[in-house]
PDB file of all heavy atoms in Angstrom:
ATOM      1  N   MET A   1     -14.711   8.449 -13.614  1.00  0.00           N
ATOM      2  CA  MET A   1     -16.054   8.139 -14.283  1.00  0.00           C
ATOM      3  C   MET A   1     -16.653   9.371 -15.048  1.00  0.00           C
ATOM      4  O   MET A   1     -17.434   9.052 -16.048  1.00  0.00           O
ATOM      5  CB  MET A   1     -16.986   7.646 -13.332  1.00  0.00           C
ATOM      6  CG  MET A   1     -16.664   6.247 -12.780  1.00  0.00           C
ATOM      7  SD  MET A   1     -17.824   5.610 -11.462  1.00  0.00           S
ATOM      8  CE  MET A   1     -19.294   5.370 -12.428  1.00  0.00           C
ATOM      9  N   ARG A   2     -16.445  10.434 -14.673  1.00  0.00           N
ATOM     10  CA  ARG A   2     -16.956  11.727 -15.449  1.00  0.00           C
ATOM     11  C   ARG A   2     -16.163  11.837 -16.811  1.00  0.00           C
ATOM     12  O   ARG A   2     -16.855  12.310 -17.643  1.00  0.00           O
ATOM     13  CB  ARG A   2     -16.569  12.998 -14.599  1.00  0.00           C
ATOM     14  CG  ARG A   2     -17.486  13.228 -13.493  1.00  0.00           C
ATOM     15  CD  ARG A   2     -18.894  13.670 -13.769  1.00  0.00           C
ATOM     16  NE  ARG A   2     -18.817  14.828 -14.605  1.00  0.00           N
ATOM     17  CZ  ARG A   2     -18.777  16.145 -14.193  1.00  0.00           C
ATOM     18  NH1 ARG A   2     -18.797  16.385 -12.810  1.00  0.00           N
ATOM     19  NH2 ARG A   2     -18.747  17.161 -14.945  1.00  0.00           N
ATOM     20  N   VAL A   3     -15.024  11.181 -16.992  1.00  0.00           N
ATOM     21  CA  VAL A   3     -14.416  11.102 -18.255  1.00  0.00           C
ATOM     22  C   VAL A   3     -14.482   9.800 -18.892  1.00  0.00           C
ATOM     23  O   VAL A   3     -13.742   9.407 -19.798  1.00  0.00           O
ATOM     24  CB  VAL A   3     -12.833  11.593 -18.192  1.00  0.00           C
ATOM     25  CG1 VAL A   3     -12.738  13.089 -17.677  1.00  0.00           C
ATOM     26  CG2 VAL A   3     -12.077  10.795 -17.268  1.00  0.00           C
ATOM     27  N   LYS A   4     -15.467   9.143 -18.551  1.00  0.00           N
ATOM     28  CA  LYS A   4     -15.883   7.731 -19.100  1.00  0.00           C
ATOM     29  C   LYS A   4     -14.759   6.754 -18.978  1.00  0.00           C
ATOM     30  O   LYS A   4     -14.382   5.970 -19.827  1.00  0.00           O
ATOM     31  CB  LYS A   4     -16.259   7.930 -20.610  1.00  0.00           C
ATOM     32  CG  LYS A   4     -17.405   8.912 -20.805  1.00  0.00           C
ATOM     33  CD  LYS A   4     -17.773   8.962 -22.237  1.00  0.00           C
ATOM     34  CE  LYS A   4     -19.050   9.803 -22.448  1.00  0.00           C
ATOM     35  NZ  LYS A   4     -19.473   9.811 -23.799  1.00  0.00           N
ATOM     36  N   SER A   5     -14.084   6.741 -17.745  1.00  0.00           N
ATOM     37  CA  SER A   5     -13.107   5.684 -17.384  1.00  0.00           C
ATOM     38  C   SER A   5     -13.539   5.118 -16.069  1.00  0.00           C
ATOM     39  O   SER A   5     -14.653   5.416 -15.459  1.00  0.00           O
ATOM     40  CB  SER A   5     -11.818   6.272 -17.437  1.00  0.00           C
ATOM     41  OG  SER A   5     -10.808   5.308 -17.204  1.00  0.00           O
ATOM     42  N   ILE A   6     -12.558   4.463 -15.474  1.00  0.00           N
ATOM     43  CA  ILE A   6     -12.914   3.782 -14.141  1.00  0.00           C
ATOM     44  C   ILE A   6     -11.534   3.330 -13.597  1.00  0.00           C
ATOM     45  O   ILE A   6     -10.470   3.300 -14.260  1.00  0.00           O
ATOM     46  CB  ILE A   6     -13.725   2.544 -14.234  1.00  0.00           C
ATOM     47  CG1 ILE A   6     -14.292   2.167 -12.927  1.00  0.00           C
ATOM     48  CG2 ILE A   6     -12.995   1.331 -14.849  1.00  0.00           C
ATOM     49  CD1 ILE A   6     -15.486   1.102 -13.049  1.00  0.00           C
ATOM     50  N   ASP A   7     -11.448   3.443 -12.258  1.00  0.00           N
ATOM     51  CA  ASP A   7     -10.213   3.030 -11.586  1.00  0.00           C
ATOM     52  C   ASP A   7     -10.487   2.060 -10.442  1.00  0.00           C
ATOM     53  O   ASP A   7     -11.134   2.269  -9.508  1.00  0.00           O
ATOM     54  CB  ASP A   7      -9.542   4.375 -10.938  1.00  0.00           C
ATOM     55  CG  ASP A   7      -8.105   4.042 -10.363  1.00  0.00           C
ATOM     56  OD1 ASP A   7      -7.824   2.930 -10.223  1.00  0.00           O
ATOM     57  OD2 ASP A   7      -7.553   5.053 -10.044  1.00  0.00           O
ATOM     58  N   LEU A   8      -9.879   0.767 -10.708  1.00  0.00           N
ATOM     59  CA  LEU A   8     -10.065  -0.213  -9.683  1.00  0.00           C
ATOM     60  C   LEU A   8      -8.770  -0.589  -8.928  1.00  0.00           C
ATOM     61  O   LEU A   8      -8.750  -1.648  -8.378  1.00  0.00           O
ATOM     62  CB  LEU A   8     -10.656  -1.552 -10.333  1.00  0.00           C
ATOM     63  CG  LEU A   8     -11.965  -1.325 -11.022  1.00  0.00           C
ATOM     64  CD1 LEU A   8     -12.286  -2.671 -11.821  1.00  0.00           C
ATOM     65  CD2 LEU A   8     -13.143  -0.954 -10.089  1.00  0.00           C
ATOM     66  N   SER A   9      -7.710   0.246  -9.038  1.00  0.00           N
ATOM     67  CA  SER A   9      -6.467   0.032  -8.518  1.00  0.00           C
ATOM     68  C   SER A   9      -6.285   0.425  -7.043  1.00  0.00           C
ATOM     69  O   SER A   9      -5.352   0.349  -6.427  1.00  0.00           O
ATOM     70  CB  SER A   9      -5.348   0.650  -9.300  1.00  0.00           C
ATOM     71  OG  SER A   9      -5.564   2.173  -9.375  1.00  0.00           O
ATOM     72  N   GLY A  10      -7.354   1.152  -6.510  1.00  0.00           N
ATOM     73  CA  GLY A  10      -7.330   1.689  -5.126  1.00  0.00           C
ATOM     74  C   GLY A  10      -6.930   0.748  -4.173  1.00  0.00           C
ATOM     75  O   GLY A  10      -6.219   1.087  -3.197  1.00  0.00           O
ATOM     76  N   GLY A  11      -7.549  -0.464  -4.223  1.00  0.00           N
ATOM     77  CA  GLY A  11      -7.187  -1.466  -3.070  1.00  0.00           C
ATOM     78  C   GLY A  11      -5.767  -1.758  -3.087  1.00  0.00           C
ATOM     79  O   GLY A  11      -5.117  -1.994  -2.028  1.00  0.00           O
ATOM     80  N   GLY A  12      -5.063  -1.851  -4.259  1.00  0.00           N
ATOM     81  CA  GLY A  12      -3.729  -2.236  -4.285  1.00  0.00           C
ATOM     82  C   GLY A  12      -2.916  -1.005  -3.790  1.00  0.00           C
ATOM     83  O   GLY A  12      -1.934  -1.157  -3.060  1.00  0.00           O
ATOM     84  N   VAL A  13      -3.209   0.137  -4.165  1.00  0.00           N
ATOM     85  CA  VAL A  13      -2.622   1.344  -3.658  1.00  0.00           C
ATOM     86  C   VAL A  13      -2.664   1.374  -2.046  1.00  0.00           C
ATOM     87  O   VAL A  13      -1.654   1.683  -1.430  1.00  0.00           O
ATOM     88  CB  VAL A  13      -3.143   2.571  -4.201  1.00  0.00           C
ATOM     89  CG1 VAL A  13      -2.524   3.880  -3.637  1.00  0.00           C
ATOM     90  CG2 VAL A  13      -2.976   2.735  -5.808  1.00  0.00           C
ATOM     91  N   ILE A  14      -3.755   1.249  -1.534  1.00  0.00           N
ATOM     92  CA  ILE A  14      -4.012   1.277  -0.165  1.00  0.00           C
ATOM     93  C   ILE A  14      -3.136   0.136   0.522  1.00  0.00           C
ATOM     94  O   ILE A  14      -2.494   0.487   1.528  1.00  0.00           O
ATOM     95  CB  ILE A  14      -5.385   1.051   0.255  1.00  0.00           C
ATOM     96  CG1 ILE A  14      -6.254   2.292  -0.176  1.00  0.00           C
ATOM     97  CG2 ILE A  14      -5.744   0.856   1.755  1.00  0.00           C
ATOM     98  CD1 ILE A  14      -7.719   2.119  -0.139  1.00  0.00           C
ATOM     99  N   LEU A  15      -3.182  -1.034   0.089  1.00  0.00           N
ATOM    100  CA  LEU A  15      -2.362  -1.996   0.643  1.00  0.00           C
ATOM    101  C   LEU A  15      -0.911  -1.839   0.647  1.00  0.00           C
ATOM    102  O   LEU A  15      -0.088  -1.970   1.609  1.00  0.00           O
ATOM    103  CB  LEU A  15      -2.622  -3.320   0.051  1.00  0.00           C
ATOM    104  CG  LEU A  15      -2.021  -4.579   0.634  1.00  0.00           C
ATOM    105  CD1 LEU A  15      -2.513  -4.914   2.032  1.00  0.00           C
ATOM    106  CD2 LEU A  15      -2.293  -5.949  -0.145  1.00  0.00           C
ATOM    107  N   LEU A  16      -0.402  -1.237  -0.481  1.00  0.00           N
ATOM    108  CA  LEU A  16       1.055  -0.902  -0.610  1.00  0.00           C
ATOM    109  C   LEU A  16       1.415   0.136   0.393  1.00  0.00           C
ATOM    110  O   LEU A  16       2.454   0.018   0.980  1.00  0.00           O
ATOM    111  CB  LEU A  16       1.360  -0.464  -2.082  1.00  0.00           C
ATOM    112  CG  LEU A  16       2.797  -0.142  -2.277  1.00  0.00           C
ATOM    113  CD1 LEU A  16       3.724  -1.336  -2.129  1.00  0.00           C
ATOM    114  CD2 LEU A  16       2.961   0.418  -3.885  1.00  0.00           C
ATOM    115  N   ILE A  17       0.698   1.167   0.411  1.00  0.00           N
ATOM    116  CA  ILE A  17       1.029   2.360   1.419  1.00  0.00           C
ATOM    117  C   ILE A  17       0.893   1.877   2.730  1.00  0.00           C
ATOM    118  O   ILE A  17       1.716   2.233   3.621  1.00  0.00           O
ATOM    119  CB  ILE A  17       0.140   3.563   1.132  1.00  0.00           C
ATOM    120  CG1 ILE A  17       0.427   4.182  -0.343  1.00  0.00           C
ATOM    121  CG2 ILE A  17       0.170   4.594   2.088  1.00  0.00           C
ATOM    122  CD1 ILE A  17      -0.487   5.189  -0.856  1.00  0.00           C
ATOM    123  N   ASN A  18      -0.090   0.963   3.083  1.00  0.00           N
ATOM    124  CA  ASN A  18      -0.133   0.475   4.406  1.00  0.00           C
ATOM    125  C   ASN A  18       1.060  -0.359   4.820  1.00  0.00           C
ATOM    126  O   ASN A  18       1.636  -0.203   5.996  1.00  0.00           O
ATOM    127  CB  ASN A  18      -1.365  -0.341   4.491  1.00  0.00           C
ATOM    128  CG  ASN A  18      -1.439  -1.162   5.898  1.00  0.00           C
ATOM    129  OD1 ASN A  18      -1.322  -2.367   5.908  1.00  0.00           O
ATOM    130  ND2 ASN A  18      -1.712  -0.385   6.921  1.00  0.00           N
ATOM    131  N   TYR A  19       1.530  -1.175   3.869  1.00  0.00           N
ATOM    132  CA  TYR A  19       2.686  -1.986   4.092  1.00  0.00           C
ATOM    133  C   TYR A  19       3.934  -1.146   4.384  1.00  0.00           C
ATOM    134  O   TYR A  19       4.784  -1.220   5.362  1.00  0.00           O
ATOM    135  CB  TYR A  19       2.882  -2.879   2.944  1.00  0.00           C
ATOM    136  CG  TYR A  19       4.161  -3.748   3.188  1.00  0.00           C
ATOM    137  CD1 TYR A  19       4.229  -4.865   4.092  1.00  0.00           C
ATOM    138  CD2 TYR A  19       5.417  -3.290   2.541  1.00  0.00           C
ATOM    139  CE1 TYR A  19       5.391  -5.521   4.232  1.00  0.00           C
ATOM    140  CE2 TYR A  19       6.587  -4.044   2.693  1.00  0.00           C
ATOM    141  CZ  TYR A  19       6.515  -5.226   3.573  1.00  0.00           C
ATOM    142  OH  TYR A  19       7.651  -5.870   3.812  1.00  0.00           O
ATOM    143  N   CYS A  20       4.103  -0.048   3.534  1.00  0.00           N
ATOM    144  CA  CYS A  20       5.220   0.846   3.679  1.00  0.00           C
ATOM    145  C   CYS A  20       5.346   1.592   4.945  1.00  0.00           C
ATOM    146  O   CYS A  20       6.377   1.778   5.575  1.00  0.00           O
ATOM    147  CB  CYS A  20       5.309   1.824   2.538  1.00  0.00           C
ATOM    148  SG  CYS A  20       5.576   1.222   0.770  1.00  0.00           S
ATOM    149  N   ILE A  21       4.083   1.870   5.539  1.00  0.00           N
ATOM    150  CA  ILE A  21       4.095   2.568   6.718  1.00  0.00           C
ATOM    151  C   ILE A  21       4.139   1.689   7.892  1.00  0.00           C
ATOM    152  O   ILE A  21       4.850   1.947   8.930  1.00  0.00           O
ATOM    153  CB  ILE A  21       2.730   3.489   6.823  1.00  0.00           C
ATOM    154  CG1 ILE A  21       2.741   4.472   5.841  1.00  0.00           C
ATOM    155  CG2 ILE A  21       2.638   4.026   8.216  1.00  0.00           C
ATOM    156  CD1 ILE A  21       1.647   5.334   5.690  1.00  0.00           C
ATOM    157  N   SER A  22       3.545   0.566   7.948  1.00  0.00           N
ATOM    158  CA  SER A  22       3.391  -0.271   9.142  1.00  0.00           C
ATOM    159  C   SER A  22       4.513  -1.423   9.151  1.00  0.00           C
ATOM    160  O   SER A  22       4.572  -2.112  10.210  1.00  0.00           O
ATOM    161  CB  SER A  22       2.139  -0.842   9.186  1.00  0.00           C
ATOM    162  OG  SER A  22       1.862  -1.748   8.016  1.00  0.00           O
ATOM    163  N   SER A  23       5.234  -1.651   7.962  1.00  0.00           N
ATOM    164  CA  SER A  23       6.210  -2.807   8.056  1.00  0.00           C
ATOM    165  C   SER A  23       7.558  -2.629   8.758  1.00  0.00           C
ATOM    166  O   SER A  23       8.235  -3.501   9.060  1.00  0.00           O
ATOM    167  CB  SER A  23       6.491  -3.298   6.689  1.00  0.00           C
ATOM    168  OG  SER A  23       7.064  -2.182   5.946  1.00  0.00           O
ATOM    169  N   GLY A  24       7.835  -1.229   9.048  1.00  0.00           N
ATOM    170  CA  GLY A  24       9.126  -0.944   9.656  1.00  0.00           C
ATOM    171  C   GLY A  24      10.258  -0.858   8.750  1.00  0.00           C
ATOM    172  O   GLY A  24      11.416  -0.805   9.131  1.00  0.00           O
ATOM    173  N   ILE A  25      10.026  -0.825   7.447  1.00  0.00           N
ATOM    174  CA  ILE A  25      11.150  -0.728   6.437  1.00  0.00           C
ATOM    175  C   ILE A  25      11.685   0.745   6.441  1.00  0.00           C
ATOM    176  O   ILE A  25      12.949   0.963   5.906  1.00  0.00           O
ATOM    177  CB  ILE A  25      10.685  -1.190   5.147  1.00  0.00           C
ATOM    178  CG1 ILE A  25       9.595  -0.258   4.514  1.00  0.00           C
ATOM    179  CG2 ILE A  25      10.184  -2.654   5.057  1.00  0.00           C
ATOM    180  CD1 ILE A  25       9.116  -0.583   3.047  1.00  0.00           C
ATOM    181  N   PHE A  26      11.062   1.647   6.965  1.00  0.00           N
ATOM    182  CA  PHE A  26      11.663   2.900   7.181  1.00  0.00           C
ATOM    183  C   PHE A  26      11.688   3.391   8.583  1.00  0.00           C
ATOM    184  O   PHE A  26      10.929   4.224   9.089  1.00  0.00           O
ATOM    185  CB  PHE A  26      10.813   4.103   6.330  1.00  0.00           C
ATOM    186  CG  PHE A  26      10.688   3.676   4.920  1.00  0.00           C
ATOM    187  CD1 PHE A  26       9.503   3.158   4.378  1.00  0.00           C
ATOM    188  CD2 PHE A  26      11.732   3.856   4.068  1.00  0.00           C
ATOM    189  CE1 PHE A  26       9.457   2.900   3.024  1.00  0.00           C
ATOM    190  CE2 PHE A  26      11.673   3.577   2.728  1.00  0.00           C
ATOM    191  CZ  PHE A  26      10.552   3.077   2.176  1.00  0.00           C
ATOM    192  N   PRO A  27      12.591   2.667   9.443  1.00  0.00           N
ATOM    193  CA  PRO A  27      12.635   3.065  10.894  1.00  0.00           C
ATOM    194  C   PRO A  27      12.945   4.482  11.155  1.00  0.00           C
ATOM    195  O   PRO A  27      13.889   5.165  10.532  1.00  0.00           O
ATOM    196  CB  PRO A  27      13.806   2.141  11.275  1.00  0.00           C
ATOM    197  CG  PRO A  27      14.589   1.871  10.087  1.00  0.00           C
ATOM    198  CD  PRO A  27      13.627   1.883   8.912  1.00  0.00           C
ATOM    199  N   GLY A  28      12.160   5.015  11.960  1.00  0.00           N
ATOM    200  CA  GLY A  28      12.443   6.394  12.510  1.00  0.00           C
ATOM    201  C   GLY A  28      12.013   7.463  11.495  1.00  0.00           C
ATOM    202  O   GLY A  28      12.303   8.674  11.669  1.00  0.00           O
ATOM    203  N   ALA A  29      11.194   7.073  10.449  1.00  0.00           N
ATOM    204  CA  ALA A  29      10.778   8.073   9.431  1.00  0.00           C
ATOM    205  C   ALA A  29       9.799   8.933  10.044  1.00  0.00           C
ATOM    206  O   ALA A  29       9.014   8.615  10.896  1.00  0.00           O
ATOM    207  CB  ALA A  29      10.312   7.404   8.201  1.00  0.00           C
ATOM    208  N   SER A  30       9.729  10.282   9.710  1.00  0.00           N
ATOM    209  CA  SER A  30       8.791  11.265  10.015  1.00  0.00           C
ATOM    210  C   SER A  30       7.607  11.123   9.338  1.00  0.00           C
ATOM    211  O   SER A  30       7.282  10.451   8.396  1.00  0.00           O
ATOM    212  CB  SER A  30       9.303  12.686   9.925  1.00  0.00           C
ATOM    213  OG  SER A  30       9.455  12.905   8.519  1.00  0.00           O
ATOM    214  N   LEU A  31       6.569  11.874   9.962  1.00  0.00           N
ATOM    215  CA  LEU A  31       5.073  11.918   9.315  1.00  0.00           C
ATOM    216  C   LEU A  31       5.257  12.530   7.879  1.00  0.00           C
ATOM    217  O   LEU A  31       4.518  11.974   7.056  1.00  0.00           O
ATOM    218  CB  LEU A  31       4.183  12.621  10.254  1.00  0.00           C
ATOM    219  CG  LEU A  31       2.755  12.937   9.738  1.00  0.00           C
ATOM    220  CD1 LEU A  31       2.102  11.653   9.654  1.00  0.00           C
ATOM    221  CD2 LEU A  31       2.015  13.905  10.631  1.00  0.00           C
ATOM    222  N   GLY A  32       5.973  13.564   7.727  1.00  0.00           N
ATOM    223  CA  GLY A  32       6.116  14.185   6.528  1.00  0.00           C
ATOM    224  C   GLY A  32       6.694  13.235   5.579  1.00  0.00           C
ATOM    225  O   GLY A  32       6.196  13.273   4.301  1.00  0.00           O
ATOM    226  N   PHE A  33       7.614  12.350   5.910  1.00  0.00           N
ATOM    227  CA  PHE A  33       8.211  11.448   4.954  1.00  0.00           C
ATOM    228  C   PHE A  33       7.111  10.366   4.483  1.00  0.00           C
ATOM    229  O   PHE A  33       7.065  10.108   3.370  1.00  0.00           O
ATOM    230  CB  PHE A  33       9.376  10.659   5.638  1.00  0.00           C
ATOM    231  CG  PHE A  33       9.818   9.536   4.641  1.00  0.00           C
ATOM    232  CD1 PHE A  33      10.868   9.740   3.755  1.00  0.00           C
ATOM    233  CD2 PHE A  33       9.358   8.236   5.054  1.00  0.00           C
ATOM    234  CE1 PHE A  33      11.264   8.627   2.981  1.00  0.00           C
ATOM    235  CE2 PHE A  33       9.944   7.154   4.242  1.00  0.00           C
ATOM    236  CZ  PHE A  33      10.724   7.442   3.287  1.00  0.00           C
ATOM    237  N   TYR A  34       6.336   9.982   5.473  1.00  0.00           N
ATOM    238  CA  TYR A  34       5.334   8.983   5.074  1.00  0.00           C
ATOM    239  C   TYR A  34       4.217   9.675   4.176  1.00  0.00           C
ATOM    240  O   TYR A  34       3.739   8.975   3.198  1.00  0.00           O
ATOM    241  CB  TYR A  34       4.545   8.411   6.338  1.00  0.00           C
ATOM    242  CG  TYR A  34       5.494   7.443   6.960  1.00  0.00           C
ATOM    243  CD1 TYR A  34       5.807   7.501   8.478  1.00  0.00           C
ATOM    244  CD2 TYR A  34       5.977   6.248   6.414  1.00  0.00           C
ATOM    245  CE1 TYR A  34       6.530   6.542   9.150  1.00  0.00           C
ATOM    246  CE2 TYR A  34       6.756   5.309   7.029  1.00  0.00           C
ATOM    247  CZ  TYR A  34       7.018   5.468   8.407  1.00  0.00           C
ATOM    248  OH  TYR A  34       7.783   4.623   9.144  1.00  0.00           O
ATOM    249  N   VAL A  35       3.870  10.869   4.412  1.00  0.00           N
ATOM    250  CA  VAL A  35       2.872  11.495   3.626  1.00  0.00           C
ATOM    251  C   VAL A  35       3.401  11.723   2.213  1.00  0.00           C
ATOM    252  O   VAL A  35       2.712  11.454   1.336  1.00  0.00           O
ATOM    253  CB  VAL A  35       2.440  12.885   4.336  1.00  0.00           C
ATOM    254  CG1 VAL A  35       1.625  13.646   3.376  1.00  0.00           C
ATOM    255  CG2 VAL A  35       1.707  12.511   5.658  1.00  0.00           C
ATOM    256  N   ALA A  36       4.612  12.168   2.209  1.00  0.00           N
ATOM    257  CA  ALA A  36       5.273  12.355   0.848  1.00  0.00           C
ATOM    258  C   ALA A  36       5.361  11.202   0.026  1.00  0.00           C
ATOM    259  O   ALA A  36       5.065  11.026  -1.169  1.00  0.00           O
ATOM    260  CB  ALA A  36       6.683  13.064   0.986  1.00  0.00           C
ATOM    261  N   LEU A  37       5.795   9.967   0.804  1.00  0.00           N
ATOM    262  CA  LEU A  37       5.874   8.689   0.128  1.00  0.00           C
ATOM    263  C   LEU A  37       4.570   8.265  -0.401  1.00  0.00           C
ATOM    264  O   LEU A  37       4.509   7.771  -1.561  1.00  0.00           O
ATOM    265  CB  LEU A  37       6.409   7.617   1.069  1.00  0.00           C
ATOM    266  CG  LEU A  37       6.580   6.254   0.687  1.00  0.00           C
ATOM    267  CD1 LEU A  37       7.609   6.081  -0.554  1.00  0.00           C
ATOM    268  CD2 LEU A  37       7.018   5.312   1.765  1.00  0.00           C
ATOM    269  N   ALA A  38       3.530   8.491   0.343  1.00  0.00           N
ATOM    270  CA  ALA A  38       2.268   7.931  -0.008  1.00  0.00           C
ATOM    271  C   ALA A  38       1.604   8.778  -1.180  1.00  0.00           C
ATOM    272  O   ALA A  38       1.177   8.164  -2.146  1.00  0.00           O
ATOM    273  CB  ALA A  38       1.305   8.026   1.249  1.00  0.00           C
ATOM    274  N   LEU A  39       1.841  10.118  -1.136  1.00  0.00           N
ATOM    275  CA  LEU A  39       1.297  10.864  -2.210  1.00  0.00           C
ATOM    276  C   LEU A  39       2.045  10.679  -3.434  1.00  0.00           C
ATOM    277  O   LEU A  39       1.422  10.549  -4.631  1.00  0.00           O
ATOM    278  CB  LEU A  39       1.327  12.373  -1.937  1.00  0.00           C
ATOM    279  CG  LEU A  39       0.536  12.768  -0.674  1.00  0.00           C
ATOM    280  CD1 LEU A  39       0.613  14.289  -0.373  1.00  0.00           C
ATOM    281  CD2 LEU A  39      -0.945  12.377  -0.687  1.00  0.00           C
ATOM    282  N   THR A  40       3.326  10.359  -3.520  1.00  0.00           N
ATOM    283  CA  THR A  40       4.135  10.166  -4.503  1.00  0.00           C
ATOM    284  C   THR A  40       3.847   8.817  -5.233  1.00  0.00           C
ATOM    285  O   THR A  40       3.540   8.746  -6.433  1.00  0.00           O
ATOM    286  CB  THR A  40       5.641  10.260  -4.299  1.00  0.00           C
ATOM    287  OG1 THR A  40       5.938  11.450  -3.758  1.00  0.00           O
ATOM    288  CG2 THR A  40       6.451   9.899  -5.576  1.00  0.00           C
ATOM    289  N   THR A  41       3.487   7.794  -4.403  1.00  0.00           N
ATOM    290  CA  THR A  41       3.124   6.414  -4.782  1.00  0.00           C
ATOM    291  C   THR A  41       1.755   6.609  -5.586  1.00  0.00           C
ATOM    292  O   THR A  41       1.630   6.065  -6.711  1.00  0.00           O
ATOM    293  CB  THR A  41       2.997   5.600  -3.666  1.00  0.00           C
ATOM    294  OG1 THR A  41       4.276   5.549  -2.939  1.00  0.00           O
ATOM    295  CG2 THR A  41       2.547   4.118  -4.090  1.00  0.00           C
ATOM    296  N   GLY A  42       0.947   7.316  -5.025  1.00  0.00           N
ATOM    297  CA  GLY A  42      -0.427   7.417  -5.610  1.00  0.00           C
ATOM    298  C   GLY A  42      -0.407   8.148  -6.961  1.00  0.00           C
ATOM    299  O   GLY A  42      -1.103   7.773  -7.956  1.00  0.00           O
ATOM    300  N   LEU A  43       0.403   9.281  -6.993  1.00  0.00           N
ATOM    301  CA  LEU A  43       0.446   9.999  -8.197  1.00  0.00           C
ATOM    302  C   LEU A  43       1.098   9.221  -9.379  1.00  0.00           C
ATOM    303  O   LEU A  43       0.653   9.240 -10.525  1.00  0.00           O
ATOM    304  CB  LEU A  43       1.295  11.407  -7.954  1.00  0.00           C
ATOM    305  CG  LEU A  43       0.521  12.421  -7.094  1.00  0.00           C
ATOM    306  CD1 LEU A  43       1.530  13.439  -6.718  1.00  0.00           C
ATOM    307  CD2 LEU A  43      -0.567  13.113  -7.952  1.00  0.00           C
ATOM    308  N   VAL A  44       2.193   8.493  -9.060  1.00  0.00           N
ATOM    309  CA  VAL A  44       2.922   7.661 -10.122  1.00  0.00           C
ATOM    310  C   VAL A  44       1.908   6.521 -10.584  1.00  0.00           C
ATOM    311  O   VAL A  44       1.842   6.291 -11.795  1.00  0.00           O
ATOM    312  CB  VAL A  44       4.171   7.068  -9.430  1.00  0.00           C
ATOM    313  CG1 VAL A  44       4.691   6.084 -10.385  1.00  0.00           C
ATOM    314  CG2 VAL A  44       5.148   8.164  -9.142  1.00  0.00           C
ATOM    315  N   ILE A  45       1.229   5.892  -9.622  1.00  0.00           N
ATOM    316  CA  ILE A  45       0.388   4.839 -10.007  1.00  0.00           C
ATOM    317  C   ILE A  45      -0.773   5.469 -10.945  1.00  0.00           C
ATOM    318  O   ILE A  45      -1.283   4.806 -11.923  1.00  0.00           O
ATOM    319  CB  ILE A  45      -0.276   3.999  -8.799  1.00  0.00           C
ATOM    320  CG1 ILE A  45       0.909   3.199  -8.231  1.00  0.00           C
ATOM    321  CG2 ILE A  45      -1.338   3.113  -9.277  1.00  0.00           C
ATOM    322  CD1 ILE A  45       0.574   2.487  -6.966  1.00  0.00           C
ATOM    323  N   GLY A  46      -1.446   6.600 -10.392  1.00  0.00           N
ATOM    324  CA  GLY A  46      -2.450   7.270 -11.234  1.00  0.00           C
ATOM    325  C   GLY A  46      -1.966   7.622 -12.557  1.00  0.00           C
ATOM    326  O   GLY A  46      -2.817   7.512 -13.551  1.00  0.00           O
TER     327      GLY A  46
END
């Protein structure tokens, strides 16, 4: 908003990351893996 824009995609980002972590599609994944996956997802979408 400081650069005169807006971002309404946060809800979708949160839902996608929530699904990736809680759905079990990455069985046995470490905390570091989930954090890296989430941050990469957010950076790519942003």
